[in-house]
C-alpha atoms as a PDB file:
ATOM      1  CA  MET A   1      -3.476  25.234 -10.298  1.00  0.00           C
ATOM      2  CA  ALA A   2      -3.730  21.667 -11.579  1.00  0.00           C
ATOM      3  CA  LYS A   3      -7.197  20.275 -12.235  1.00  0.00           C
ATOM      4  CA  VAL A   4      -8.136  16.588 -12.065  1.00  0.00           C
ATOM      5  CA  LEU A   5     -11.191  14.703 -13.324  1.00  0.00           C
ATOM      6  CA  VAL A   6     -12.409  11.652 -11.351  1.00  0.00           C
ATOM      7  CA  PRO A   7     -15.252   9.678 -12.986  1.00  0.00           C
ATOM      8  CA  LEU A   8     -17.406   7.745 -10.516  1.00  0.00           C
ATOM      9  CA  ALA A   9     -19.328   4.772 -11.872  1.00  0.00           C
ATOM     10  CA  THR A  10     -21.822   2.710  -9.907  1.00  0.00           C
ATOM     11  CA  GLY A  11     -19.827   0.178  -7.902  1.00  0.00           C
ATOM     12  CA  PHE A  12     -16.665   2.300  -7.541  1.00  0.00           C
ATOM     13  CA  GLU A  13     -14.201   1.372  -4.770  1.00  0.00           C
ATOM     14  CA  GLU A  14     -14.846   3.939  -2.050  1.00  0.00           C
ATOM     15  CA  ILE A  15     -11.396   3.747  -0.426  1.00  0.00           C
ATOM     16  CA  GLU A  16      -9.714   4.516  -3.728  1.00  0.00           C
ATOM     17  CA  ALA A  17     -12.020   7.294  -4.926  1.00  0.00           C
ATOM     18  CA  ILE A  18     -12.241   9.160  -1.624  1.00  0.00           C
ATOM     19  CA  THR A  19      -8.521   8.789  -0.880  1.00  0.00           C
ATOM     20  CA  ILE A  20      -7.585  10.166  -4.293  1.00  0.00           C
ATOM     21  CA  ILE A  21      -9.998  13.096  -4.054  1.00  0.00           C
ATOM     22  CA  ASP A  22      -9.028  13.896  -0.457  1.00  0.00           C
ATOM     23  CA  VAL A  23      -5.239  13.747  -0.931  1.00  0.00           C
ATOM     24  CA  LEU A  24      -5.321  15.813  -4.117  1.00  0.00           C
ATOM     25  CA  ARG A  25      -7.506  18.462  -2.485  1.00  0.00           C
ATOM     26  CA  ARG A  26      -5.138  18.601   0.516  1.00  0.00           C
ATOM     27  CA  ALA A  27      -2.474  19.555  -2.033  1.00  0.00           C
ATOM     28  CA  ASP A  28      -4.716  22.373  -3.316  1.00  0.00           C
ATOM     29  CA  ILE A  29      -5.341  20.527  -6.565  1.00  0.00           C
ATOM     30  CA  GLU A  30      -8.820  21.127  -7.946  1.00  0.00           C
ATOM     31  CA  VAL A  31     -10.721  17.847  -8.263  1.00  0.00           C
ATOM     32  CA  VAL A  32     -14.007  17.460 -10.124  1.00  0.00           C
ATOM     33  CA  SER A  33     -15.895  14.205  -9.666  1.00  0.00           C
ATOM     34  CA  VAL A  34     -18.306  13.238 -12.416  1.00  0.00           C
ATOM     35  CA  CYS A  35     -21.066  10.657 -12.595  1.00  0.00           C
ATOM     36  CA  LEU A  36     -22.010   8.530 -15.575  1.00  0.00           C
ATOM     37  CA  GLU A  37     -25.689   8.450 -14.684  1.00  0.00           C
ATOM     38  CA  ARG A  38     -27.187  10.006 -11.544  1.00  0.00           C
ATOM     39  CA  ARG A  39     -25.246  12.527  -9.456  1.00  0.00           C
ATOM     40  CA  ARG A  40     -25.613  10.315  -6.370  1.00  0.00           C
ATOM     41  CA  VAL A  41     -23.334   7.382  -7.124  1.00  0.00           C
ATOM     42  CA  MET A  42     -23.447   4.161  -5.090  1.00  0.00           C
ATOM     43  CA  GLY A  43     -20.079   2.654  -4.277  1.00  0.00           C
ATOM     44  CA  ALA A  44     -19.215  -1.038  -4.143  1.00  0.00           C
ATOM     45  CA  HIS A  45     -19.775  -1.132  -0.377  1.00  0.00           C
ATOM     46  CA  GLY A  46     -23.010   0.834  -0.165  1.00  0.00           C
ATOM     47  CA  ILE A  47     -21.587   4.324   0.375  1.00  0.00           C
ATOM     48  CA  ARG A  48     -23.309   6.996  -1.731  1.00  0.00           C
ATOM     49  CA  VAL A  49     -21.296   9.956  -3.005  1.00  0.00           C
ATOM     50  CA  LEU A  50     -22.655  13.103  -4.602  1.00  0.00           C
ATOM     51  CA  SER A  51     -20.624  13.875  -7.722  1.00  0.00           C
ATOM     52  CA  ASP A  52     -19.819  17.431  -8.764  1.00  0.00           C
ATOM     53  CA  ARG A  53     -21.036  17.116 -12.360  1.00  0.00           C
ATOM     54  CA  HIS A  54     -22.386  14.772 -14.991  1.00  0.00           C
ATOM     55  CA  ILE A  55     -19.858  13.401 -17.474  1.00  0.00           C
ATOM     56  CA  ALA A  56     -21.780  14.997 -20.370  1.00  0.00           C
ATOM     57  CA  ASP A  57     -20.914  18.423 -18.926  1.00  0.00           C
ATOM     58  CA  VAL A  58     -17.143  17.865 -19.078  1.00  0.00           C
ATOM     59  CA  ASP A  59     -14.666  19.481 -21.448  1.00  0.00           C
ATOM     60  CA  TYR A  60     -11.473  17.449 -21.146  1.00  0.00           C
ATOM     61  CA  LYS A  61      -9.399  20.464 -22.203  1.00  0.00           C
ATOM     62  CA  GLU A  62      -9.916  22.099 -18.786  1.00  0.00           C
ATOM     63  CA  PHE A  63      -8.199  19.173 -16.991  1.00  0.00           C
ATOM     64  CA  ASP A  64      -4.572  18.118 -16.532  1.00  0.00           C
ATOM     65  CA  MET A  65      -5.284  14.559 -15.418  1.00  0.00           C
ATOM     66  CA  ILE A  66      -8.032  11.943 -15.317  1.00  0.00           C
ATOM     67  CA  VAL A  67      -8.033   9.347 -12.514  1.00  0.00           C
ATOM     68  CA  LEU A  68     -10.171   6.206 -12.573  1.00  0.00           C
ATOM     69  CA  PRO A  69     -10.919   4.446  -9.284  1.00  0.00           C
ATOM     70  CA  GLY A  70     -11.435   0.699  -9.426  1.00  0.00           C
ATOM     71  CA  GLY A  71     -13.959  -1.491  -7.689  1.00  0.00           C
ATOM     72  CA  LEU A  72     -16.588  -3.775  -9.130  1.00  0.00           C
ATOM     73  CA  PRO A  73     -18.697  -3.286 -11.021  1.00  0.00           C
ATOM     74  CA  GLY A  74     -17.336   0.294 -11.135  1.00  0.00           C
ATOM     75  CA  ALA A  75     -14.294  -0.512 -13.276  1.00  0.00           C
ATOM     76  CA  THR A  76     -16.436  -2.525 -15.694  1.00  0.00           C
ATOM     77  CA  ASN A  77     -18.914   0.345 -15.911  1.00  0.00           C
ATOM     78  CA  LEU A  78     -16.071   2.765 -16.693  1.00  0.00           C
ATOM     79  CA  ARG A  79     -14.652   0.365 -19.299  1.00  0.00           C
ATOM     80  CA  ASP A  80     -18.005   0.001 -21.045  1.00  0.00           C
ATOM     81  CA  ASN A  81     -18.886   3.715 -21.113  1.00  0.00           C
ATOM     82  CA  ALA A  82     -18.347   5.395 -24.502  1.00  0.00           C
ATOM     83  CA  GLN A  83     -17.856   8.854 -22.933  1.00  0.00           C
ATOM     84  CA  VAL A  84     -15.123   7.558 -20.596  1.00  0.00           C
ATOM     85  CA  LYS A  85     -13.433   5.837 -23.541  1.00  0.00           C
ATOM     86  CA  GLN A  86     -13.528   9.083 -25.537  1.00  0.00           C
ATOM     87  CA  LEU A  87     -12.124  11.072 -22.606  1.00  0.00           C
ATOM     88  CA  LEU A  88      -9.255   8.612 -22.219  1.00  0.00           C
ATOM     89  CA  GLU A  89      -8.486   8.792 -25.943  1.00  0.00           C
ATOM     90  CA  ASN A  90      -8.554  12.616 -25.846  1.00  0.00           C
ATOM     91  CA  PHE A  91      -6.330  12.828 -22.756  1.00  0.00           C
ATOM     92  CA  ASP A  92      -3.841  10.449 -24.362  1.00  0.00           C
ATOM     93  CA  ALA A  93      -3.828  12.272 -27.713  1.00  0.00           C
ATOM     94  CA  ASP A  94      -2.963  15.485 -25.840  1.00  0.00           C
ATOM     95  CA  HIS A  95      -0.323  13.693 -23.707  1.00  0.00           C
ATOM     96  CA  LYS A  96      -2.200  14.501 -20.497  1.00  0.00           C
ATOM     97  CA  TYR A  97      -1.892  12.294 -17.444  1.00  0.00           C
ATOM     98  CA  ILE A  98      -4.153   9.251 -17.207  1.00  0.00           C
ATOM     99  CA  ALA A  99      -4.231   7.300 -13.953  1.00  0.00           C
ATOM    100  CA  ALA A 100      -6.113   4.169 -12.903  1.00  0.00           C
ATOM    101  CA  ILE A 101      -6.083   1.955  -9.847  1.00  0.00           C
ATOM    102  CA  CYS A 102      -7.229  -1.570  -9.000  1.00  0.00           C
ATOM    103  CA  ALA A 103      -9.398  -3.042 -11.783  1.00  0.00           C
ATOM    104  CA  ALA A 104      -9.732   0.289 -13.643  1.00  0.00           C
ATOM    105  CA  PRO A 105      -6.774  -0.339 -15.997  1.00  0.00           C
ATOM    106  CA  ILE A 106      -9.265  -2.511 -17.928  1.00  0.00           C
ATOM    107  CA  ALA A 107     -10.809   0.787 -19.085  1.00  0.00           C
ATOM    108  CA  LEU A 108      -7.386   2.032 -20.208  1.00  0.00           C
ATOM    109  CA  ASP A 109      -6.925  -1.197 -22.152  1.00  0.00           C
ATOM    110  CA  ARG A 110     -10.332  -0.799 -23.856  1.00  0.00           C
ATOM    111  CA  ALA A 111      -9.370   2.757 -24.882  1.00  0.00           C
ATOM    112  CA  LYS A 112      -5.966   1.470 -26.079  1.00  0.00           C
ATOM    113  CA  VAL A 113      -4.003   4.038 -24.053  1.00  0.00           C
ATOM    114  CA  LEU A 114      -1.795   1.708 -22.001  1.00  0.00           C
ATOM    115  CA  LYS A 115       1.886   2.005 -22.830  1.00  0.00           C
ATOM    116  CA  LYS A 116       4.391  -0.723 -21.985  1.00  0.00           C
ATOM    117  CA  ALA A 117       4.378  -1.108 -18.190  1.00  0.00           C
ATOM    118  CA  PHE A 118       1.343  -1.156 -15.904  1.00  0.00           C
ATOM    119  CA  THR A 119      -0.015  -2.726 -12.755  1.00  0.00           C
ATOM    120  CA  CYS A 120      -3.508  -3.519 -11.510  1.00  0.00           C
ATOM    121  CA  TYR A 121      -5.391  -5.587  -8.966  1.00  0.00           C
ATOM    122  CA  PRO A 122      -3.949  -9.124  -9.037  1.00  0.00           C
ATOM    123  CA  SER A 123      -5.624 -11.323 -11.682  1.00  0.00           C
ATOM    124  CA  PHE A 124      -7.016  -8.370 -13.654  1.00  0.00           C
ATOM    125  CA  GLU A 125      -3.900  -8.414 -15.846  1.00  0.00           C
ATOM    126  CA  ASN A 126      -5.528 -11.527 -17.352  1.00  0.00           C
ATOM    127  CA  GLN A 127      -8.455  -9.366 -18.534  1.00  0.00           C
ATOM    128  CA  ILE A 128      -6.171  -6.908 -20.285  1.00  0.00           C
ATOM    129  CA  ASP A 129      -5.396  -7.609 -23.944  1.00  0.00           C
ATOM    130  CA  HIS A 130      -2.464  -5.206 -23.947  1.00  0.00           C
ATOM    131  CA  LYS A 131       0.740  -7.208 -24.041  1.00  0.00           C
ATOM    132  CA  GLY A 132       2.746  -4.783 -21.937  1.00  0.00           C
ATOM    133  CA  TYR A 133       4.683  -5.564 -18.823  1.00  0.00           C
ATOM    134  CA  PHE A 134       2.604  -6.276 -15.732  1.00  0.00           C
ATOM    135  CA  SER A 135       4.499  -5.171 -12.660  1.00  0.00           C
ATOM    136  CA  GLU A 136       4.204  -6.249  -9.036  1.00  0.00           C
ATOM    137  CA  GLU A 137       5.072  -2.670  -7.992  1.00  0.00           C
ATOM    138  CA  SER A 138       2.440  -0.710  -6.033  1.00  0.00           C
ATOM    139  CA  VAL A 139       2.554   2.239  -8.451  1.00  0.00           C
ATOM    140  CA  VAL A 140       3.812   2.153 -12.041  1.00  0.00           C
ATOM    141  CA  SER A 141       4.390   5.199 -14.229  1.00  0.00           C
ATOM    142  CA  ASP A 142       4.989   4.822 -17.971  1.00  0.00           C
ATOM    143  CA  GLN A 143       4.963   8.000 -20.053  1.00  0.00           C
ATOM    144  CA  ASN A 144       1.621   9.712 -19.267  1.00  0.00           C
ATOM    145  CA  ILE A 145       0.024   6.577 -17.764  1.00  0.00           C
ATOM    146  CA  ILE A 146       0.044   5.882 -14.002  1.00  0.00           C
ATOM    147  CA  THR A 147      -1.416   2.696 -12.537  1.00  0.00           C
ATOM    148  CA  SER A 148      -1.688   1.178  -9.078  1.00  0.00           C
ATOM    149  CA  LYS A 149      -2.741  -2.115  -7.487  1.00  0.00           C
ATOM    150  CA  GLY A 150      -5.738  -1.455  -5.234  1.00  0.00           C
ATOM    151  CA  PRO A 151      -7.233  -0.198  -1.968  1.00  0.00           C
ATOM    152  CA  ALA A 152      -4.088  -0.759   0.112  1.00  0.00           C
ATOM    153  CA  THR A 153      -2.003   1.284  -2.339  1.00  0.00           C
ATOM    154  CA  ALA A 154      -4.499   4.152  -2.733  1.00  0.00           C
ATOM    155  CA  MET A 155      -2.628   6.531  -0.426  1.00  0.00           C
ATOM    156  CA  GLU A 156       0.762   5.883  -2.067  1.00  0.00           C
ATOM    157  CA  PHE A 157      -0.893   6.275  -5.479  1.00  0.00           C
ATOM    158  CA  ALA A 158      -2.530   9.592  -4.543  1.00  0.00           C
ATOM    159  CA  ILE A 159       0.747  10.962  -3.122  1.00  0.00           C
ATOM    160  CA  PHE A 160       2.482   9.970  -6.370  1.00  0.00           C
ATOM    161  CA  LEU A 161      -0.190  11.879  -8.328  1.00  0.00           C
ATOM    162  CA  VAL A 162       0.583  14.987  -6.227  1.00  0.00           C
ATOM    163  CA  GLU A 163       4.253  14.574  -7.117  1.00  0.00           C
ATOM    164  CA  LYS A 164       3.436  14.345 -10.841  1.00  0.00           C
ATOM    165  CA  LEU A 165       1.114  17.369 -10.791  1.00  0.00           C
ATOM    166  CA  GLN A 166       3.156  19.542  -8.428  1.00  0.00           C
ATOM    167  CA  SER A 167       6.525  18.382  -7.082  1.00  0.00           C
ATOM    168  CA  LYS A 168       8.258  15.846  -4.863  1.00  0.00           C
ATOM    169  CA  THR A 169       8.497  18.539  -2.181  1.00  0.00           C
ATOM    170  CA  ALA A 170       4.722  19.059  -2.235  1.00  0.00           C
ATOM    171  CA  ALA A 171       4.092  15.301  -2.202  1.00  0.00           C
ATOM    172  CA  ASP A 172       6.490  14.828   0.715  1.00  0.00           C
ATOM    173  CA  ALA A 173       4.756  17.589   2.677  1.00  0.00           C
ATOM    174  CA  ILE A 174       1.335  15.985   2.177  1.00  0.00           C
ATOM    175  CA  ALA A 175       2.726  12.532   3.044  1.00  0.00           C
ATOM    176  CA  GLN A 176       4.335  13.891   6.195  1.00  0.00           C
ATOM    177  CA  GLY A 177       1.091  15.569   7.254  1.00  0.00           C
ATOM    178  CA  LEU A 178      -0.695  12.235   6.785  1.00  0.00           C
ATOM    179  CA  LEU A 179       2.005  10.460   8.847  1.00  0.00           C
ATOM    180  CA  LEU A 180       3.130   8.406   5.838  1.00  0.00           C
ATOM    181  CA  ARG A 181       6.684   9.731   5.881  1.00  0.00           C
ATOM    182  CA  PRO A 182       8.816  11.101   8.722  1.00  0.00           C
END
């Protein structure tokens, strides 16, 4: 069974984080949410979530993918956290999947793991030093890096992650059950 790590920083975008966790779990993918500080993490819109673990208790080797939700100041907090940066570098060195949505690709840029093509929340491409190709697509996959635009694309993004970790058939079944596809 695939296993995914989802770091939650204060100010995370609730739609993105919860959608990702929910869709992956519907696909029987194990998801572990981790906090950077306290286990109860406050989202950007005042919703508190209890994380599964603290980031200090994580061994990246037990995971197949790391997914960073966006939101502000959540994405900035992820970008500025040394443990998140180290995790991203380790995942990339081992060619494991790294995914980020909304403003969170700024953390991928800080860790220098972006490849050529990426997308993010409009205007955040201006905060990314990486000179890759910024795409208007909702979800962009380039080697082991997967990026998406924001809250409205969270469901499509999460379904795409199921496809990468399992199969198109599994992703289609989840999408159909969620009434996204006929």
